[in-house]
C-alpha atoms as a PDB file:
ATOM      1  CA  MET A   1       8.887 120.544  61.166  1.00  0.00           C
ATOM      2  CA  ASN A   2       5.306 119.832  61.089  1.00  0.00           C
ATOM      3  CA  ARG A   3       4.690 116.177  60.482  1.00  0.00           C
ATOM      4  CA  LYS A   4       1.169 114.854  60.304  1.00  0.00           C
ATOM      5  CA  ALA A   5       0.660 111.501  61.412  1.00  0.00           C
ATOM      6  CA  LYS A   6      -1.427 109.147  59.166  1.00  0.00           C
ATOM      7  CA  ILE A   7      -3.749 106.722  60.658  1.00  0.00           C
ATOM      8  CA  VAL A   8      -4.772 103.657  58.643  1.00  0.00           C
ATOM      9  CA  VAL A   9      -7.929 101.972  59.600  1.00  0.00           C
ATOM     10  CA  LEU A  10      -8.345  98.343  58.387  1.00  0.00           C
ATOM     11  CA  HIS A  11     -11.760  96.900  58.604  1.00  0.00           C
ATOM     12  CA  LEU A  12     -11.749  93.260  59.596  1.00  0.00           C
ATOM     13  CA  LYS A  13     -14.488  92.428  57.141  1.00  0.00           C
ATOM     14  CA  GLU A  14     -12.283  93.609  54.206  1.00  0.00           C
ATOM     15  CA  LEU A  15      -9.310  91.595  55.454  1.00  0.00           C
ATOM     16  CA  ILE A  16     -11.421  88.516  55.596  1.00  0.00           C
ATOM     17  CA  TYR A  17     -12.721  88.887  52.143  1.00  0.00           C
ATOM     18  CA  THR A  18      -9.235  89.574  50.787  1.00  0.00           C
ATOM     19  CA  ALA A  19      -7.880  86.369  52.586  1.00  0.00           C
ATOM     20  CA  ILE A  20     -10.781  84.286  51.079  1.00  0.00           C
ATOM     21  CA  PHE A  21     -10.324  85.621  47.640  1.00  0.00           C
ATOM     22  CA  LEU A  22      -6.493  84.988  47.706  1.00  0.00           C
ATOM     23  CA  ALA A  23      -7.098  81.455  49.060  1.00  0.00           C
ATOM     24  CA  LEU A  24      -9.514  80.767  46.088  1.00  0.00           C
ATOM     25  CA  GLY A  25      -7.184  82.297  43.576  1.00  0.00           C
ATOM     26  CA  ILE A  26      -4.269  79.971  44.819  1.00  0.00           C
ATOM     27  CA  LEU A  27      -6.678  77.012  44.757  1.00  0.00           C
ATOM     28  CA  PHE A  28      -7.655  77.860  41.258  1.00  0.00           C
ATOM     29  CA  VAL A  29      -4.135  78.122  40.020  1.00  0.00           C
ATOM     30  CA  ILE A  30      -3.275  74.829  41.563  1.00  0.00           C
ATOM     31  CA  LEU A  31      -6.277  73.054  39.974  1.00  0.00           C
ATOM     32  CA  LEU A  32      -5.298  74.699  36.464  1.00  0.00           C
ATOM     33  CA  VAL A  33      -1.730  73.242  36.789  1.00  0.00           C
ATOM     34  CA  MET A  34      -3.000  69.751  37.955  1.00  0.00           C
ATOM     35  CA  MET A  35      -5.578  69.626  35.068  1.00  0.00           C
ATOM     36  CA  PHE A  36      -3.277  70.759  32.168  1.00  0.00           C
ATOM     37  CA  SER A  37       0.038  69.356  33.218  1.00  0.00           C
ATOM     38  CA  PRO A  38       1.092  66.216  31.157  1.00  0.00           C
ATOM     39  CA  ARG A  39       0.182  62.947  32.680  1.00  0.00           C
ATOM     40  CA  LYS A  40       2.825  60.122  33.042  1.00  0.00           C
ATOM     41  CA  GLU A  41       1.875  56.600  32.385  1.00  0.00           C
ATOM     42  CA  SER A  42       1.355  54.497  35.464  1.00  0.00           C
ATOM     43  CA  ALA A  43       4.244  52.222  36.171  1.00  0.00           C
ATOM     44  CA  ASP A  44       1.798  49.324  36.653  1.00  0.00           C
ATOM     45  CA  ALA A  45       0.110  49.748  33.231  1.00  0.00           C
ATOM     46  CA  ALA A  46       1.714  47.401  30.697  1.00  0.00           C
ATOM     47  CA  THR A  47       2.573  48.708  27.311  1.00  0.00           C
ATOM     48  CA  TYR A  48       2.955  45.239  25.612  1.00  0.00           C
ATOM     49  CA  VAL A  49       2.321  41.766  26.383  1.00  0.00           C
ATOM     50  CA  PRO A  50       5.719  40.098  26.946  1.00  0.00           C
ATOM     51  CA  GLY A  51       6.952  37.795  24.195  1.00  0.00           C
ATOM     52  CA  GLN A  52       8.208  37.396  20.778  1.00  0.00           C
ATOM     53  CA  TYR A  53       6.245  38.654  17.664  1.00  0.00           C
ATOM     54  CA  THR A  54       7.109  37.968  14.180  1.00  0.00           C
ATOM     55  CA  THR A  55       6.149  39.375  10.831  1.00  0.00           C
ATOM     56  CA  THR A  56       6.940  37.362   7.602  1.00  0.00           C
ATOM     57  CA  LEU A  57       8.482  39.073   4.600  1.00  0.00           C
ATOM     58  CA  THR A  58       8.826  37.297   1.181  1.00  0.00           C
ATOM     59  CA  PHE A  59      11.760  37.885  -0.960  1.00  0.00           C
ATOM     60  CA  ASN A  60      11.533  35.963  -4.381  1.00  0.00           C
ATOM     61  CA  GLY A  61       9.791  33.061  -2.738  1.00  0.00           C
ATOM     62  CA  ASN A  62      11.992  32.924   0.393  1.00  0.00           C
ATOM     63  CA  MET A  63      10.513  33.940   3.673  1.00  0.00           C
ATOM     64  CA  VAL A  64      12.151  35.987   6.271  1.00  0.00           C
ATOM     65  CA  ASP A  65      10.884  36.563   9.759  1.00  0.00           C
ATOM     66  CA  VAL A  66      11.438  39.930  11.482  1.00  0.00           C
ATOM     67  CA  LYS A  67      11.284  39.029  15.244  1.00  0.00           C
ATOM     68  CA  VAL A  68      10.586  41.655  17.877  1.00  0.00           C
ATOM     69  CA  THR A  69      10.874  40.735  21.560  1.00  0.00           C
ATOM     70  CA  VAL A  70       9.234  42.894  24.052  1.00  0.00           C
ATOM     71  CA  ASP A  71       8.560  42.757  27.780  1.00  0.00           C
ATOM     72  CA  GLU A  72       5.838  44.720  29.592  1.00  0.00           C
ATOM     73  CA  GLN A  73       7.286  48.173  29.014  1.00  0.00           C
ATOM     74  CA  ASN A  74      10.212  47.919  26.600  1.00  0.00           C
ATOM     75  CA  ILE A  75      11.299  46.667  23.243  1.00  0.00           C
ATOM     76  CA  THR A  76      14.180  44.292  24.066  1.00  0.00           C
ATOM     77  CA  SER A  77      15.521  43.031  20.726  1.00  0.00           C
ATOM     78  CA  ILE A  78      14.847  43.080  17.020  1.00  0.00           C
ATOM     79  CA  SER A  79      16.304  40.309  14.638  1.00  0.00           C
ATOM     80  CA  LEU A  80      15.900  38.541  11.457  1.00  0.00           C
ATOM     81  CA  GLU A  81      14.944  34.735  11.633  1.00  0.00           C
ATOM     82  CA  ASN A  82      15.118  32.148   8.900  1.00  0.00           C
ATOM     83  CA  LEU A  83      17.428  34.290   6.869  1.00  0.00           C
ATOM     84  CA  GLU A  84      18.747  31.979   4.197  1.00  0.00           C
ATOM     85  CA  GLU A  85      22.114  32.567   2.585  1.00  0.00           C
ATOM     86  CA  THR A  86      20.604  33.297  -0.827  1.00  0.00           C
ATOM     87  CA  VAL A  87      18.368  36.120   0.573  1.00  0.00           C
ATOM     88  CA  SER A  88      21.265  37.617   2.368  1.00  0.00           C
ATOM     89  CA  VAL A  89      23.456  37.614  -0.826  1.00  0.00           C
ATOM     90  CA  MET A  90      20.664  38.960  -2.994  1.00  0.00           C
ATOM     91  CA  TYR A  91      19.879  41.570  -0.410  1.00  0.00           C
ATOM     92  CA  PRO A  92      23.153  42.467   1.162  1.00  0.00           C
ATOM     93  CA  LEU A  93      21.768  45.789   2.857  1.00  0.00           C
ATOM     94  CA  MET A  94      19.061  43.919   4.808  1.00  0.00           C
ATOM     95  CA  GLU A  95      21.188  42.957   7.761  1.00  0.00           C
ATOM     96  CA  PRO A  96      23.129  46.409   8.132  1.00  0.00           C
ATOM     97  CA  ALA A  97      19.763  48.221   7.770  1.00  0.00           C
ATOM     98  CA  LEU A  98      18.137  46.191  10.524  1.00  0.00           C
ATOM     99  CA  GLU A  99      21.118  46.634  12.846  1.00  0.00           C
ATOM    100  CA  ASP A 100      21.041  50.232  12.385  1.00  0.00           C
ATOM    101  CA  LEU A 101      17.129  50.536  12.726  1.00  0.00           C
ATOM    102  CA  SER A 102      17.228  48.211  15.739  1.00  0.00           C
ATOM    103  CA  ALA A 103      19.853  50.405  17.616  1.00  0.00           C
ATOM    104  CA  GLN A 104      17.706  53.461  17.063  1.00  0.00           C
ATOM    105  CA  ILE A 105      14.455  51.766  18.047  1.00  0.00           C
ATOM    106  CA  LEU A 106      15.940  50.277  21.165  1.00  0.00           C
ATOM    107  CA  ALA A 107      17.507  53.492  22.173  1.00  0.00           C
ATOM    108  CA  SER A 108      14.369  55.600  21.755  1.00  0.00           C
ATOM    109  CA  GLN A 109      11.864  52.687  22.499  1.00  0.00           C
ATOM    110  CA  SER A 110       9.933  54.263  19.640  1.00  0.00           C
ATOM    111  CA  LEU A 111       9.428  54.211  15.833  1.00  0.00           C
ATOM    112  CA  ASP A 112       9.272  57.820  15.621  1.00  0.00           C
ATOM    113  CA  ASN A 113      12.125  59.941  14.170  1.00  0.00           C
ATOM    114  CA  ILE A 114      13.884  57.008  12.897  1.00  0.00           C
ATOM    115  CA  SER A 115      16.503  57.974  10.293  1.00  0.00           C
ATOM    116  CA  TYR A 116      18.102  55.974   7.544  1.00  0.00           C
ATOM    117  CA  SER A 117      20.547  56.436   4.607  1.00  0.00           C
ATOM    118  CA  GLU A 118      19.330  56.905   1.081  1.00  0.00           C
ATOM    119  CA  ASP A 119      21.346  53.998   0.084  1.00  0.00           C
ATOM    120  CA  ASN A 120      18.937  51.462   1.947  1.00  0.00           C
ATOM    121  CA  GLN A 121      15.842  53.613   2.220  1.00  0.00           C
ATOM    122  CA  TYR A 122      13.479  51.019   0.613  1.00  0.00           C
ATOM    123  CA  THR A 123      14.871  48.188   2.661  1.00  0.00           C
ATOM    124  CA  SER A 124      14.620  50.189   5.803  1.00  0.00           C
ATOM    125  CA  MET A 125      10.958  51.149   5.143  1.00  0.00           C
ATOM    126  CA  LEU A 126      10.088  47.567   4.400  1.00  0.00           C
ATOM    127  CA  LEU A 127      11.735  46.499   7.781  1.00  0.00           C
ATOM    128  CA  LEU A 128      10.189  49.398   9.716  1.00  0.00           C
ATOM    129  CA  ASP A 129       6.708  48.342   8.375  1.00  0.00           C
ATOM    130  CA  ALA A 130       7.492  44.718   9.666  1.00  0.00           C
ATOM    131  CA  ILE A 131       8.658  45.880  12.957  1.00  0.00           C
ATOM    132  CA  ALA A 132       5.673  48.191  13.285  1.00  0.00           C
ATOM    133  CA  SER A 133       3.338  45.262  12.423  1.00  0.00           C
ATOM    134  CA  SER A 134       4.910  43.080  15.083  1.00  0.00           C
ATOM    135  CA  LEU A 135       4.482  45.804  17.738  1.00  0.00           C
ATOM    136  CA  GLU A 136       0.812  46.076  16.741  1.00  0.00           C
ATOM    137  CA  GLN A 137       0.405  42.488  17.548  1.00  0.00           C
ATOM    138  CA  ALA A 138       1.722  43.018  20.930  1.00  0.00           C
ATOM    139  CA  LYS A 139      -0.474  46.001  21.608  1.00  0.00           C
ATOM    140  CA  ALA A 140      -3.451  44.476  20.128  1.00  0.00           C
ATOM    141  CA  GLU A 141      -3.278  41.471  22.573  1.00  0.00           C
ATOM    142  CA  THR A 142      -2.989  43.937  25.414  1.00  0.00           C
ATOM    143  CA  ALA A 143      -6.248  45.459  24.616  1.00  0.00           C
ATOM    144  CA  GLU A 144      -8.014  42.061  24.161  1.00  0.00           C
ATOM    145  CA  GLY A 145      -6.487  40.918  27.578  1.00  0.00           C
ATOM    146  CA  THR A 146      -7.983  43.835  29.432  1.00  0.00           C
ATOM    147  CA  ASP A 147     -11.657  43.205  28.437  1.00  0.00           C
END
């Protein structure tokens, strides 16, 4: 058996270039990941100014307030205020619709992807608009407070 020995010659200069390019490639990949990864909100940044915000709805001359209570980061409660008996009798779906919407909003902390039944879709849309208006009041004051 005749075996020929193979000799590998590594040049130090080529090894150094390879190590430098490898390090630059890894650094480039890390920078790309950091730049394009989704950013999380800072825990210190407040989303809302804590408080209670109301939007008034008028039904046949009777006024009903939709009250939204928030802390710095979360929506804590949504309720109807000044709901007279005549309004609750004339609009019997208002309270159940608000309870359903409130449960979904408090669970998700968002007005996105809220579902409601076809039986009370107009009532739900009216209540959602009032809730959105109250939340805008909370956010608008936050922007003014940072100036």
